[in-house]
Amino acid sequence: LLRFYERRARRILPALCVVVFACLPFAISWMSPEQFRDFGQSVLTVGLFASNILFWWENTYFTAAAEEKPLLHTWSLAVEEQYYIFFPLILLATWRWMPRYHFSGILVMGLASLACCIWSVRPYPDQAFYLLPARAWELLAGSLCAVVALRQGPVANQALSLTGLIMVLGAMLLLNDHLPFPSIYTVIPVVGTSLILLYAWAET
């Protein structure tokens, strides 16, 4: 488990530090005192992998002020890191006490998160967008792919991988600002990506 966390840190922290330090001189030069204070809050919460909570609290992603927040995109990194903290612990507990049900356990958690997403996107769109409970199902889909890949090994299936590609491209063309996001529509690119990950292998 510690090795897993170490690998995540090695993958994420160097690039994150480069982004933060690259933004710093421009923030000092161009930002007003109030904007620089907000930037400092962003840097602090980025370091704590909690920037999604800050930006949810500020409610800025879909407003003009979003263009003035250079670290806004780190909300998704925070969600990812929160997932990395909690999911392995849940998985270890599942493997210890319910070893035969880890796949179904992941599936149930994913469906529960998707239900939370669908339920909350209309009355609480910012919570649905920023916070882990409504976004975990997208990451859990990747975890399900990992379990399937470990069980079956590389499997090439041109029809399924092409279907996945069509779903991803279709989502790029069809999803727009008039549709709630994330929502049931988000299933399209997530399932499409999963099909590509599982079946876009070269046949030998």
C-alpha atoms as a PDB file:
ATOM      1  CA  LEU A   1       0.000   0.000   0.000  1.00  0.00           C
ATOM      2  CA  LEU A   2       2.817   2.416   0.845  1.00  0.00           C
ATOM      3  CA  ARG A   3       4.499   1.553  -2.445  1.00  0.00           C
ATOM      4  CA  PHE A   4       1.257   2.395  -4.242  1.00  0.00           C
ATOM      5  CA  TYR A   5       1.103   5.810  -2.569  1.00  0.00           C
ATOM      6  CA  GLU A   6       4.766   6.397  -3.381  1.00  0.00           C
ATOM      7  CA  ARG A   7       4.183   5.691  -7.074  1.00  0.00           C
ATOM      8  CA  ARG A   8       1.229   8.081  -7.132  1.00  0.00           C
ATOM      9  CA  ALA A   9       3.353  10.801  -5.525  1.00  0.00           C
ATOM     10  CA  ARG A  10       6.202  10.270  -7.981  1.00  0.00           C
ATOM     11  CA  ARG A  11       3.802  10.483 -10.913  1.00  0.00           C
ATOM     12  CA  ILE A  12       1.837  13.535  -9.800  1.00  0.00           C
ATOM     13  CA  LEU A  13       3.876  15.804  -7.521  1.00  0.00           C
ATOM     14  CA  PRO A  14       6.750  16.792  -9.869  1.00  0.00           C
ATOM     15  CA  ALA A  15       4.421  17.961 -12.644  1.00  0.00           C
ATOM     16  CA  LEU A  16       2.133  19.648 -10.132  1.00  0.00           C
ATOM     17  CA  CYS A  17       5.045  21.604  -8.642  1.00  0.00           C
ATOM     18  CA  VAL A  18       6.122  22.715 -12.125  1.00  0.00           C
ATOM     19  CA  VAL A  19       2.613  24.021 -12.852  1.00  0.00           C
ATOM     20  CA  VAL A  20       2.355  25.892  -9.552  1.00  0.00           C
ATOM     21  CA  PHE A  21       5.791  27.497  -9.809  1.00  0.00           C
ATOM     22  CA  ALA A  22       5.207  28.396 -13.471  1.00  0.00           C
ATOM     23  CA  CYS A  23       2.037  30.274 -12.467  1.00  0.00           C
ATOM     24  CA  LEU A  24       3.643  32.088  -9.545  1.00  0.00           C
ATOM     25  CA  PRO A  25       5.563  34.883 -11.361  1.00  0.00           C
ATOM     26  CA  PHE A  26       2.531  35.750 -13.492  1.00  0.00           C
ATOM     27  CA  ALA A  27       0.321  35.794 -10.430  1.00  0.00           C
ATOM     28  CA  ILE A  28       2.717  38.169  -8.674  1.00  0.00           C
ATOM     29  CA  SER A  29       2.960  40.451 -11.711  1.00  0.00           C
ATOM     30  CA  TRP A  30      -0.631  40.576 -12.897  1.00  0.00           C
ATOM     31  CA  MET A  31      -2.990  39.820 -10.051  1.00  0.00           C
ATOM     32  CA  SER A  32      -4.652  42.287  -7.753  1.00  0.00           C
ATOM     33  CA  PRO A  33      -4.170  41.716  -3.998  1.00  0.00           C
ATOM     34  CA  GLU A  34      -7.568  40.040  -3.767  1.00  0.00           C
ATOM     35  CA  GLN A  35      -6.858  37.791  -6.741  1.00  0.00           C
ATOM     36  CA  PHE A  36      -3.433  36.921  -5.342  1.00  0.00           C
ATOM     37  CA  ARG A  37      -5.019  35.989  -2.020  1.00  0.00           C
ATOM     38  CA  ASP A  38      -7.381  33.649  -3.873  1.00  0.00           C
ATOM     39  CA  PHE A  39      -4.424  32.237  -5.767  1.00  0.00           C
ATOM     40  CA  GLY A  40      -2.634  31.574  -2.492  1.00  0.00           C
ATOM     41  CA  GLN A  41      -5.667  29.701  -1.216  1.00  0.00           C
ATOM     42  CA  SER A  42      -5.634  27.646  -4.403  1.00  0.00           C
ATOM     43  CA  VAL A  43      -1.952  26.773  -3.931  1.00  0.00           C
ATOM     44  CA  LEU A  44      -2.566  25.720  -0.329  1.00  0.00           C
ATOM     45  CA  THR A  45      -5.521  23.495  -1.147  1.00  0.00           C
ATOM     46  CA  VAL A  46      -3.735  22.032  -4.183  1.00  0.00           C
ATOM     47  CA  GLY A  47      -0.961  20.905  -1.849  1.00  0.00           C
ATOM     48  CA  LEU A  48      -3.548  19.285   0.401  1.00  0.00           C
ATOM     49  CA  PHE A  49      -5.390  17.705  -2.573  1.00  0.00           C
ATOM     50  CA  ALA A  50      -8.520  19.566  -1.566  1.00  0.00           C
ATOM     51  CA  SER A  51      -8.798  22.188  -4.299  1.00  0.00           C
ATOM     52  CA  ASN A  52     -12.047  20.650  -5.530  1.00  0.00           C
ATOM     53  CA  ILE A  53     -13.610  21.508  -2.162  1.00  0.00           C
ATOM     54  CA  LEU A  54     -12.332  25.085  -2.376  1.00  0.00           C
ATOM     55  CA  PHE A  55     -13.617  25.619  -5.909  1.00  0.00           C
ATOM     56  CA  TRP A  56     -16.934  23.984  -5.047  1.00  0.00           C
ATOM     57  CA  TRP A  57     -17.236  26.403  -2.137  1.00  0.00           C
ATOM     58  CA  GLU A  58     -16.428  29.351  -4.412  1.00  0.00           C
ATOM     59  CA  ASN A  59     -18.813  28.115  -7.125  1.00  0.00           C
ATOM     60  CA  THR A  60     -16.685  29.429  -9.973  1.00  0.00           C
ATOM     61  CA  TYR A  61     -16.205  26.742 -12.609  1.00  0.00           C
ATOM     62  CA  PHE A  62     -18.999  27.882 -14.918  1.00  0.00           C
ATOM     63  CA  THR A  63     -18.591  31.622 -14.334  1.00  0.00           C
ATOM     64  CA  ALA A  64     -16.438  34.299 -15.920  1.00  0.00           C
ATOM     65  CA  ALA A  65     -14.232  34.305 -12.814  1.00  0.00           C
ATOM     66  CA  ALA A  66     -13.006  30.846 -13.789  1.00  0.00           C
ATOM     67  CA  GLU A  67     -10.714  32.422 -16.377  1.00  0.00           C
ATOM     68  CA  GLU A  68      -8.891  34.227 -13.563  1.00  0.00           C
ATOM     69  CA  LYS A  69      -8.088  31.045 -11.601  1.00  0.00           C
ATOM     70  CA  PRO A  70      -5.027  29.402 -13.163  1.00  0.00           C
ATOM     71  CA  LEU A  71      -5.213  26.356 -10.873  1.00  0.00           C
ATOM     72  CA  LEU A  72      -8.905  25.658 -11.368  1.00  0.00           C
ATOM     73  CA  HIS A  73      -8.177  22.549 -13.391  1.00  0.00           C
ATOM     74  CA  THR A  74      -6.573  20.921 -10.338  1.00  0.00           C
ATOM     75  CA  TRP A  75     -10.036  20.123  -8.970  1.00  0.00           C
ATOM     76  CA  SER A  76      -9.969  16.863 -10.932  1.00  0.00           C
ATOM     77  CA  LEU A  77      -6.521  16.018  -9.559  1.00  0.00           C
ATOM     78  CA  ALA A  78      -7.886  16.490  -6.041  1.00  0.00           C
ATOM     79  CA  VAL A  79     -10.773  14.122  -6.766  1.00  0.00           C
ATOM     80  CA  GLU A  80      -8.319  11.588  -8.149  1.00  0.00           C
ATOM     81  CA  GLU A  81      -6.042  11.811  -5.124  1.00  0.00           C
ATOM     82  CA  GLN A  82      -8.945  11.516  -2.696  1.00  0.00           C
ATOM     83  CA  TYR A  83      -9.930   8.371  -4.558  1.00  0.00           C
ATOM     84  CA  TYR A  84      -6.378   7.048  -4.284  1.00  0.00           C
ATOM     85  CA  ILE A  85      -6.449   7.585  -0.529  1.00  0.00           C
ATOM     86  CA  PHE A  86      -9.737   5.859   0.251  1.00  0.00           C
ATOM     87  CA  PHE A  87     -10.270   3.235  -2.442  1.00  0.00           C
ATOM     88  CA  PRO A  88      -7.183   1.088  -1.739  1.00  0.00           C
ATOM     89  CA  LEU A  89      -8.179   0.875   1.932  1.00  0.00           C
ATOM     90  CA  ILE A  90     -11.685  -0.250   0.962  1.00  0.00           C
ATOM     91  CA  LEU A  91     -10.208  -2.741  -1.496  1.00  0.00           C
ATOM     92  CA  LEU A  92      -7.873  -4.200   1.120  1.00  0.00           C
ATOM     93  CA  ALA A  93     -10.770  -4.646   3.517  1.00  0.00           C
ATOM     94  CA  THR A  94     -12.809  -6.319   0.772  1.00  0.00           C
ATOM     95  CA  TRP A  95      -9.983  -8.702  -0.118  1.00  0.00           C
ATOM     96  CA  ARG A  96      -9.536  -9.629   3.520  1.00  0.00           C
ATOM     97  CA  TRP A  97     -13.129 -10.214   4.563  1.00  0.00           C
ATOM     98  CA  MET A  98     -14.954 -10.782   1.264  1.00  0.00           C
ATOM     99  CA  PRO A  99     -12.307 -11.995  -1.211  1.00  0.00           C
ATOM    100  CA  ARG A 100     -14.867 -13.498  -3.582  1.00  0.00           C
ATOM    101  CA  TYR A 101     -16.828 -10.301  -3.907  1.00  0.00           C
ATOM    102  CA  HIS A 102     -14.288  -7.589  -4.660  1.00  0.00           C
ATOM    103  CA  PHE A 103     -15.497  -7.183  -8.259  1.00  0.00           C
ATOM    104  CA  SER A 104     -19.141  -7.005  -7.254  1.00  0.00           C
ATOM    105  CA  GLY A 105     -18.209  -4.699  -4.378  1.00  0.00           C
ATOM    106  CA  ILE A 106     -16.531  -2.268  -6.774  1.00  0.00           C
ATOM    107  CA  LEU A 107     -19.535  -2.506  -9.084  1.00  0.00           C
ATOM    108  CA  VAL A 108     -21.974  -1.730  -6.268  1.00  0.00           C
ATOM    109  CA  MET A 109     -19.903   1.261  -5.162  1.00  0.00           C
ATOM    110  CA  GLY A 110     -19.797   2.505  -8.745  1.00  0.00           C
ATOM    111  CA  LEU A 111     -23.545   2.190  -9.194  1.00  0.00           C
ATOM    112  CA  ALA A 112     -24.142   3.954  -5.875  1.00  0.00           C
ATOM    113  CA  SER A 113     -21.865   6.811  -6.934  1.00  0.00           C
ATOM    114  CA  LEU A 114     -23.597   7.032 -10.320  1.00  0.00           C
ATOM    115  CA  ALA A 115     -26.979   7.159  -8.567  1.00  0.00           C
ATOM    116  CA  CYS A 116     -25.648   9.965  -6.350  1.00  0.00           C
ATOM    117  CA  CYS A 117     -24.483  11.803  -9.470  1.00  0.00           C
ATOM    118  CA  ILE A 118     -27.823  11.467 -11.274  1.00  0.00           C
ATOM    119  CA  TRP A 119     -29.790  12.465  -8.184  1.00  0.00           C
ATOM    120  CA  SER A 120     -27.691  15.499  -7.281  1.00  0.00           C
ATOM    121  CA  VAL A 121     -26.870  17.061 -10.643  1.00  0.00           C
ATOM    122  CA  ARG A 122     -30.134  19.007 -10.911  1.00  0.00           C
ATOM    123  CA  PRO A 123     -30.595  20.337  -7.347  1.00  0.00           C
ATOM    124  CA  TYR A 124     -26.868  20.471  -6.477  1.00  0.00           C
ATOM    125  CA  PRO A 125     -24.916  20.816  -9.728  1.00  0.00           C
ATOM    126  CA  ASP A 126     -21.742  22.168  -8.138  1.00  0.00           C
ATOM    127  CA  GLN A 127     -21.535  19.335  -5.621  1.00  0.00           C
ATOM    128  CA  ALA A 128     -22.141  16.825  -8.414  1.00  0.00           C
ATOM    129  CA  PHE A 129     -19.383  18.387 -10.486  1.00  0.00           C
ATOM    130  CA  TYR A 130     -16.673  18.869  -7.878  1.00  0.00           C
ATOM    131  CA  LEU A 131     -17.051  16.324  -5.091  1.00  0.00           C
ATOM    132  CA  LEU A 132     -15.893  12.732  -4.932  1.00  0.00           C
ATOM    133  CA  PRO A 133     -19.189  10.948  -4.105  1.00  0.00           C
ATOM    134  CA  ALA A 134     -20.714  11.954  -7.453  1.00  0.00           C
ATOM    135  CA  ARG A 135     -17.507  11.470  -9.477  1.00  0.00           C
ATOM    136  CA  ALA A 136     -16.085   8.278  -7.969  1.00  0.00           C
ATOM    137  CA  TRP A 137     -18.027   6.060 -10.387  1.00  0.00           C
ATOM    138  CA  GLU A 138     -15.928   7.347 -13.282  1.00  0.00           C
ATOM    139  CA  LEU A 139     -12.759   6.248 -11.496  1.00  0.00           C
ATOM    140  CA  LEU A 140     -14.348   3.021 -10.323  1.00  0.00           C
ATOM    141  CA  ALA A 141     -15.023   2.189 -13.971  1.00  0.00           C
ATOM    142  CA  GLY A 142     -11.269   2.197 -14.474  1.00  0.00           C
ATOM    143  CA  SER A 143     -10.836  -0.040 -11.440  1.00  0.00           C
ATOM    144  CA  LEU A 144     -13.365  -2.489 -12.886  1.00  0.00           C
ATOM    145  CA  CYS A 145     -11.401  -2.479 -16.137  1.00  0.00           C
ATOM    146  CA  ALA A 146      -8.249  -3.315 -14.183  1.00  0.00           C
ATOM    147  CA  VAL A 147      -9.935  -6.281 -12.473  1.00  0.00           C
ATOM    148  CA  VAL A 148     -11.302  -7.574 -15.787  1.00  0.00           C
ATOM    149  CA  ALA A 149      -7.920  -7.132 -17.490  1.00  0.00           C
ATOM    150  CA  LEU A 150      -6.164  -9.055 -14.713  1.00  0.00           C
ATOM    151  CA  ARG A 151      -8.653 -11.894 -15.021  1.00  0.00           C
ATOM    152  CA  GLN A 152      -8.794 -12.271 -18.782  1.00  0.00           C
ATOM    153  CA  GLY A 153      -5.514 -10.772 -19.960  1.00  0.00           C
ATOM    154  CA  PRO A 154      -5.226  -8.801 -23.227  1.00  0.00           C
ATOM    155  CA  VAL A 155      -8.255  -9.492 -25.429  1.00  0.00           C
ATOM    156  CA  ALA A 156      -8.541  -7.952 -28.887  1.00  0.00           C
ATOM    157  CA  ASN A 157     -12.050  -7.226 -30.087  1.00  0.00           C
ATOM    158  CA  GLN A 158     -12.303  -4.804 -32.957  1.00  0.00           C
ATOM    159  CA  ALA A 159     -16.080  -4.493 -32.760  1.00  0.00           C
ATOM    160  CA  LEU A 160     -16.108  -3.562 -29.067  1.00  0.00           C
ATOM    161  CA  SER A 161     -13.123  -1.234 -29.301  1.00  0.00           C
ATOM    162  CA  LEU A 162     -14.665   0.491 -32.338  1.00  0.00           C
ATOM    163  CA  THR A 163     -17.936   0.838 -30.436  1.00  0.00           C
ATOM    164  CA  GLY A 164     -16.007   2.468 -27.611  1.00  0.00           C
ATOM    165  CA  LEU A 165     -14.331   4.889 -30.006  1.00  0.00           C
ATOM    166  CA  ILE A 166     -17.692   5.827 -31.550  1.00  0.00           C
ATOM    167  CA  MET A 167     -19.115   6.438 -28.070  1.00  0.00           C
ATOM    168  CA  VAL A 168     -16.226   8.729 -27.122  1.00  0.00           C
ATOM    169  CA  LEU A 169     -16.376  10.677 -30.384  1.00  0.00           C
ATOM    170  CA  GLY A 170     -20.159  10.848 -30.169  1.00  0.00           C
ATOM    171  CA  ALA A 171     -19.929  12.277 -26.664  1.00  0.00           C
ATOM    172  CA  MET A 172     -17.504  14.938 -27.900  1.00  0.00           C
ATOM    173  CA  LEU A 173     -19.985  15.975 -30.579  1.00  0.00           C
ATOM    174  CA  LEU A 174     -23.261  15.613 -28.696  1.00  0.00           C
ATOM    175  CA  LEU A 175     -22.605  16.692 -25.106  1.00  0.00           C
ATOM    176  CA  ASN A 176     -22.975  20.442 -24.696  1.00  0.00           C
ATOM    177  CA  ASP A 177     -23.671  23.212 -22.188  1.00  0.00           C
ATOM    178  CA  HIS A 178     -27.403  22.566 -22.338  1.00  0.00           C
ATOM    179  CA  LEU A 179     -27.090  19.069 -20.857  1.00  0.00           C
ATOM    180  CA  PRO A 180     -26.384  18.494 -17.166  1.00  0.00           C
ATOM    181  CA  PHE A 181     -22.870  17.289 -16.465  1.00  0.00           C
ATOM    182  CA  PRO A 182     -21.911  14.961 -14.932  1.00  0.00           C
ATOM    183  CA  SER A 183     -25.105  12.984 -15.357  1.00  0.00           C
ATOM    184  CA  ILE A 184     -26.444   9.852 -16.993  1.00  0.00           C
ATOM    185  CA  TYR A 185     -25.058  11.228 -20.272  1.00  0.00           C
ATOM    186  CA  THR A 186     -21.542  10.920 -18.853  1.00  0.00           C
ATOM    187  CA  VAL A 187     -21.968   7.155 -18.993  1.00  0.00           C
ATOM    188  CA  ILE A 188     -21.433   7.360 -22.767  1.00  0.00           C
ATOM    189  CA  PRO A 189     -17.774   8.493 -22.782  1.00  0.00           C
ATOM    190  CA  VAL A 190     -16.944   6.503 -19.629  1.00  0.00           C
ATOM    191  CA  VAL A 191     -18.224   3.215 -21.050  1.00  0.00           C
ATOM    192  CA  GLY A 192     -16.656   4.047 -24.404  1.00  0.00           C
ATOM    193  CA  THR A 193     -13.268   4.631 -22.802  1.00  0.00           C
ATOM    194  CA  SER A 194     -13.617   1.403 -20.826  1.00  0.00           C
ATOM    195  CA  LEU A 195     -14.252  -0.572 -24.015  1.00  0.00           C
ATOM    196  CA  ILE A 196     -11.175   0.970 -25.616  1.00  0.00           C
ATOM    197  CA  LEU A 197      -9.007   0.147 -22.594  1.00  0.00           C
ATOM    198  CA  LEU A 198     -10.188  -3.445 -22.487  1.00  0.00           C
ATOM    199  CA  TYR A 199     -10.379  -4.397 -26.150  1.00  0.00           C
ATOM    200  CA  ALA A 200      -8.199  -2.086 -28.287  1.00  0.00           C
ATOM    201  CA  TRP A 201      -5.343  -4.576 -28.467  1.00  0.00           C
ATOM    202  CA  ALA A 202      -3.438  -5.562 -31.574  1.00  0.00           C
ATOM    203  CA  GLU A 203      -4.345  -9.056 -32.734  1.00  0.00           C
ATOM    204  CA  THR A 204      -1.374 -11.359 -33.105  1.00  0.00           C
END
